[in-house]
N, C-alpha and C. Protein backbone atom coordinates (compact mmCIF):
# COMPACT_ATOMS: atom_id res chain seq x y z
N MET A 1 -54.76 -38.92 -47.23
CA MET A 1 -55.42 -37.99 -48.11
C MET A 1 -55.34 -38.56 -49.53
N PRO A 2 -56.45 -38.62 -50.22
CA PRO A 2 -56.42 -39.04 -51.63
C PRO A 2 -55.61 -38.06 -52.49
N GLU A 3 -55.00 -38.58 -53.54
CA GLU A 3 -54.15 -37.74 -54.38
C GLU A 3 -54.90 -36.55 -54.97
N GLU A 4 -56.18 -36.73 -55.30
CA GLU A 4 -56.95 -35.62 -55.87
C GLU A 4 -57.06 -34.47 -54.87
N GLN A 5 -57.26 -34.79 -53.60
CA GLN A 5 -57.34 -33.75 -52.57
C GLN A 5 -55.99 -33.06 -52.37
N PHE A 6 -54.92 -33.85 -52.44
CA PHE A 6 -53.58 -33.28 -52.33
C PHE A 6 -53.33 -32.30 -53.47
N GLU A 7 -53.67 -32.70 -54.69
CA GLU A 7 -53.49 -31.83 -55.86
C GLU A 7 -54.30 -30.55 -55.71
N GLU A 8 -55.52 -30.67 -55.19
CA GLU A 8 -56.37 -29.50 -54.98
C GLU A 8 -55.76 -28.58 -53.92
N ALA A 9 -55.22 -29.17 -52.86
CA ALA A 9 -54.59 -28.37 -51.81
C ALA A 9 -53.39 -27.61 -52.37
N VAL A 10 -52.56 -28.29 -53.17
CA VAL A 10 -51.41 -27.63 -53.79
C VAL A 10 -51.87 -26.51 -54.71
N ARG A 11 -52.90 -26.76 -55.49
CA ARG A 11 -53.44 -25.74 -56.40
C ARG A 11 -53.90 -24.52 -55.61
N LEU A 12 -54.63 -24.74 -54.53
CA LEU A 12 -55.14 -23.63 -53.72
C LEU A 12 -54.01 -22.86 -53.04
N MET A 13 -53.00 -23.59 -52.55
CA MET A 13 -51.85 -22.91 -51.93
C MET A 13 -51.13 -22.05 -52.96
N ASN A 14 -50.95 -22.57 -54.16
CA ASN A 14 -50.27 -21.80 -55.20
C ASN A 14 -51.12 -20.61 -55.65
N GLN A 15 -52.43 -20.79 -55.67
CA GLN A 15 -53.34 -19.70 -56.05
C GLN A 15 -53.30 -18.58 -55.03
N HIS A 16 -53.08 -18.92 -53.77
CA HIS A 16 -53.04 -17.94 -52.68
C HIS A 16 -51.63 -17.89 -52.09
N SER A 17 -50.64 -17.80 -52.96
CA SER A 17 -49.24 -17.93 -52.56
C SER A 17 -48.78 -16.86 -51.57
N LYS A 18 -49.49 -15.75 -51.47
CA LYS A 18 -49.06 -14.73 -50.50
C LYS A 18 -49.17 -15.24 -49.06
N PHE A 19 -49.96 -16.30 -48.86
CA PHE A 19 -50.11 -16.89 -47.53
C PHE A 19 -49.20 -18.10 -47.33
N LEU A 20 -48.45 -18.48 -48.35
CA LEU A 20 -47.62 -19.69 -48.34
C LEU A 20 -46.17 -19.36 -48.06
N LYS A 21 -45.62 -19.98 -47.03
CA LYS A 21 -44.20 -19.86 -46.72
C LYS A 21 -43.66 -21.26 -46.54
N TYR A 22 -42.54 -21.55 -47.20
CA TYR A 22 -41.95 -22.87 -47.03
C TYR A 22 -40.45 -22.81 -47.22
N LEU A 23 -39.81 -23.79 -46.63
CA LEU A 23 -38.39 -23.97 -46.85
C LEU A 23 -38.23 -24.76 -48.14
N ARG A 24 -37.02 -24.82 -48.63
CA ARG A 24 -36.83 -25.62 -49.84
C ARG A 24 -37.05 -27.09 -49.52
N GLY A 25 -37.38 -27.86 -50.54
CA GLY A 25 -37.59 -29.28 -50.37
C GLY A 25 -36.31 -29.97 -49.92
N ILE A 26 -36.46 -31.18 -49.45
CA ILE A 26 -35.31 -31.94 -48.97
C ILE A 26 -35.01 -33.11 -49.91
N SER A 27 -33.89 -33.73 -49.74
CA SER A 27 -33.45 -34.81 -50.63
C SER A 27 -34.05 -36.16 -50.23
N GLU A 28 -34.02 -37.08 -51.18
CA GLU A 28 -34.44 -38.47 -50.91
C GLU A 28 -33.59 -39.05 -49.78
N GLU A 29 -32.31 -38.71 -49.76
CA GLU A 29 -31.41 -39.23 -48.72
C GLU A 29 -31.84 -38.76 -47.34
N ARG A 30 -32.25 -37.49 -47.25
CA ARG A 30 -32.70 -36.94 -45.96
C ARG A 30 -33.99 -37.62 -45.52
N ILE A 31 -34.87 -37.88 -46.46
CA ILE A 31 -36.11 -38.58 -46.14
C ILE A 31 -35.79 -39.99 -45.64
N ALA A 32 -34.90 -40.68 -46.33
CA ALA A 32 -34.52 -42.04 -45.92
C ALA A 32 -33.91 -42.05 -44.52
N GLU A 33 -33.12 -41.03 -44.22
CA GLU A 33 -32.52 -40.91 -42.88
C GLU A 33 -33.61 -40.76 -41.81
N ALA A 34 -34.61 -39.92 -42.08
CA ALA A 34 -35.71 -39.73 -41.13
C ALA A 34 -36.53 -41.00 -40.99
N GLU A 35 -36.80 -41.68 -42.09
CA GLU A 35 -37.56 -42.94 -42.04
C GLU A 35 -36.82 -43.98 -41.21
N ALA A 36 -35.51 -44.06 -41.39
CA ALA A 36 -34.72 -45.03 -40.63
C ALA A 36 -34.73 -44.69 -39.14
N LEU A 37 -34.61 -43.41 -38.82
CA LEU A 37 -34.62 -42.97 -37.43
C LEU A 37 -35.94 -43.32 -36.75
N LEU A 38 -37.04 -43.20 -37.49
CA LEU A 38 -38.37 -43.48 -36.95
C LEU A 38 -38.84 -44.92 -37.18
N SER A 39 -38.07 -45.68 -37.96
CA SER A 39 -38.45 -47.06 -38.32
C SER A 39 -39.81 -47.12 -39.01
N VAL A 40 -40.01 -46.21 -39.97
CA VAL A 40 -41.25 -46.14 -40.74
C VAL A 40 -40.92 -45.87 -42.20
N GLN A 41 -41.91 -46.04 -43.04
CA GLN A 41 -41.80 -45.59 -44.43
C GLN A 41 -42.92 -44.59 -44.65
N PHE A 42 -42.55 -43.36 -45.05
CA PHE A 42 -43.54 -42.33 -45.25
C PHE A 42 -44.39 -42.65 -46.48
N PRO A 43 -45.68 -42.30 -46.44
CA PRO A 43 -46.54 -42.49 -47.61
C PRO A 43 -46.06 -41.64 -48.80
N PRO A 44 -46.36 -42.06 -50.02
CA PRO A 44 -45.89 -41.35 -51.22
C PRO A 44 -46.24 -39.87 -51.26
N LEU A 45 -47.45 -39.48 -50.87
CA LEU A 45 -47.82 -38.07 -50.93
C LEU A 45 -47.07 -37.24 -49.90
N PHE A 46 -46.81 -37.82 -48.73
CA PHE A 46 -46.03 -37.09 -47.73
C PHE A 46 -44.59 -36.94 -48.21
N ARG A 47 -44.04 -37.96 -48.83
CA ARG A 47 -42.70 -37.87 -49.40
C ARG A 47 -42.65 -36.75 -50.44
N ARG A 48 -43.67 -36.69 -51.26
CA ARG A 48 -43.73 -35.65 -52.30
C ARG A 48 -43.76 -34.25 -51.67
N CYS A 49 -44.52 -34.11 -50.60
CA CYS A 49 -44.59 -32.83 -49.90
C CYS A 49 -43.23 -32.47 -49.32
N LEU A 50 -42.54 -33.44 -48.73
CA LEU A 50 -41.21 -33.18 -48.19
C LEU A 50 -40.22 -32.81 -49.29
N LEU A 51 -40.29 -33.51 -50.41
CA LEU A 51 -39.40 -33.22 -51.53
C LEU A 51 -39.64 -31.82 -52.10
N THR A 52 -40.90 -31.39 -52.10
CA THR A 52 -41.27 -30.09 -52.67
C THR A 52 -41.07 -28.94 -51.70
N TYR A 53 -41.54 -29.11 -50.47
CA TYR A 53 -41.59 -28.00 -49.53
C TYR A 53 -40.64 -28.11 -48.34
N GLY A 54 -40.30 -29.30 -47.90
CA GLY A 54 -39.54 -29.48 -46.67
C GLY A 54 -40.48 -29.37 -45.48
N GLU A 55 -40.86 -28.17 -45.15
CA GLU A 55 -41.94 -27.90 -44.19
C GLU A 55 -42.57 -26.59 -44.61
N LEU A 56 -43.81 -26.36 -44.22
CA LEU A 56 -44.47 -25.15 -44.72
C LEU A 56 -45.47 -24.59 -43.74
N THR A 57 -45.78 -23.34 -43.97
CA THR A 57 -46.83 -22.63 -43.25
C THR A 57 -47.76 -22.04 -44.30
N PHE A 58 -49.05 -22.26 -44.11
CA PHE A 58 -50.04 -21.67 -45.00
C PHE A 58 -51.01 -20.89 -44.14
N SER A 59 -51.10 -19.60 -44.40
CA SER A 59 -51.87 -18.68 -43.58
C SER A 59 -51.29 -18.77 -42.17
N ASN A 60 -52.04 -19.21 -41.18
CA ASN A 60 -51.49 -19.34 -39.82
C ASN A 60 -51.47 -20.80 -39.37
N THR A 61 -51.41 -21.74 -40.32
CA THR A 61 -51.34 -23.16 -40.01
C THR A 61 -49.97 -23.69 -40.42
N GLU A 62 -49.27 -24.30 -39.45
CA GLU A 62 -47.94 -24.84 -39.72
C GLU A 62 -48.03 -26.35 -39.94
N PHE A 63 -47.36 -26.81 -40.97
CA PHE A 63 -47.27 -28.24 -41.27
C PHE A 63 -45.83 -28.66 -41.02
N LEU A 64 -45.62 -29.42 -39.96
CA LEU A 64 -44.26 -29.83 -39.63
C LEU A 64 -43.71 -30.74 -40.70
N GLY A 65 -42.47 -30.56 -40.99
CA GLY A 65 -41.79 -31.38 -41.98
C GLY A 65 -40.35 -31.56 -41.57
N LEU A 66 -39.46 -31.50 -42.54
CA LEU A 66 -38.04 -31.67 -42.28
C LEU A 66 -37.25 -30.57 -42.97
N ARG A 67 -36.13 -30.24 -42.40
CA ARG A 67 -35.23 -29.26 -42.99
C ARG A 67 -34.05 -29.99 -43.62
N ALA A 68 -33.46 -29.36 -44.59
CA ALA A 68 -32.43 -30.03 -45.38
C ALA A 68 -31.15 -30.36 -44.61
N LYS A 69 -30.65 -29.44 -43.80
CA LYS A 69 -29.31 -29.64 -43.24
C LYS A 69 -29.26 -29.75 -41.73
N ASP A 70 -30.28 -29.31 -41.05
CA ASP A 70 -30.20 -29.19 -39.60
C ASP A 70 -30.36 -30.54 -38.91
N SER A 71 -29.87 -30.61 -37.70
CA SER A 71 -30.02 -31.81 -36.89
C SER A 71 -31.49 -32.07 -36.62
N PHE A 72 -31.88 -33.31 -36.71
CA PHE A 72 -33.28 -33.66 -36.43
C PHE A 72 -33.66 -33.32 -34.99
N GLN A 73 -32.71 -33.38 -34.08
CA GLN A 73 -33.02 -33.20 -32.66
C GLN A 73 -33.13 -31.74 -32.25
N ASN A 74 -32.55 -30.84 -33.01
CA ASN A 74 -32.41 -29.46 -32.56
C ASN A 74 -33.50 -28.51 -33.03
N PHE A 75 -34.39 -28.96 -33.88
CA PHE A 75 -35.38 -28.05 -34.42
C PHE A 75 -36.80 -28.58 -34.24
N ASP A 76 -37.74 -27.69 -34.35
CA ASP A 76 -39.14 -28.01 -34.18
C ASP A 76 -39.64 -28.66 -35.47
N ASN A 77 -39.48 -29.98 -35.59
CA ASN A 77 -39.87 -30.67 -36.80
C ASN A 77 -40.58 -31.98 -36.45
N LEU A 78 -40.99 -32.72 -37.44
CA LEU A 78 -41.76 -33.92 -37.18
C LEU A 78 -40.98 -34.97 -36.43
N ILE A 79 -39.66 -35.05 -36.60
CA ILE A 79 -38.85 -36.01 -35.86
C ILE A 79 -38.89 -35.71 -34.36
N LYS A 80 -38.65 -34.44 -34.01
CA LYS A 80 -38.66 -34.04 -32.61
C LYS A 80 -40.01 -34.35 -31.96
N HIS A 81 -41.09 -34.11 -32.67
CA HIS A 81 -42.41 -34.33 -32.10
C HIS A 81 -42.81 -35.80 -32.08
N THR A 82 -42.11 -36.62 -32.85
CA THR A 82 -42.43 -38.04 -32.89
C THR A 82 -41.64 -38.83 -31.85
N LEU A 83 -40.38 -38.43 -31.64
CA LEU A 83 -39.52 -39.18 -30.70
C LEU A 83 -39.80 -38.86 -29.26
């Protein structure tokens, strides 16, 4: 996704925040742990989304992400769905 579209999506989510639910963002260390587990490097915009939101739901659409403290294997997140 181009950065302009990402910025527009964030603007629209914030404008309609009653439909936005998210966990708190996660740390750089947690992102690095997930990248190492998957042997990938996440794109900059996805990293930004993880840092800001962790994972989120907007209206009735869920965007899988990562949680700050929980085991990667025990929750419905992008690691579980990738491995």
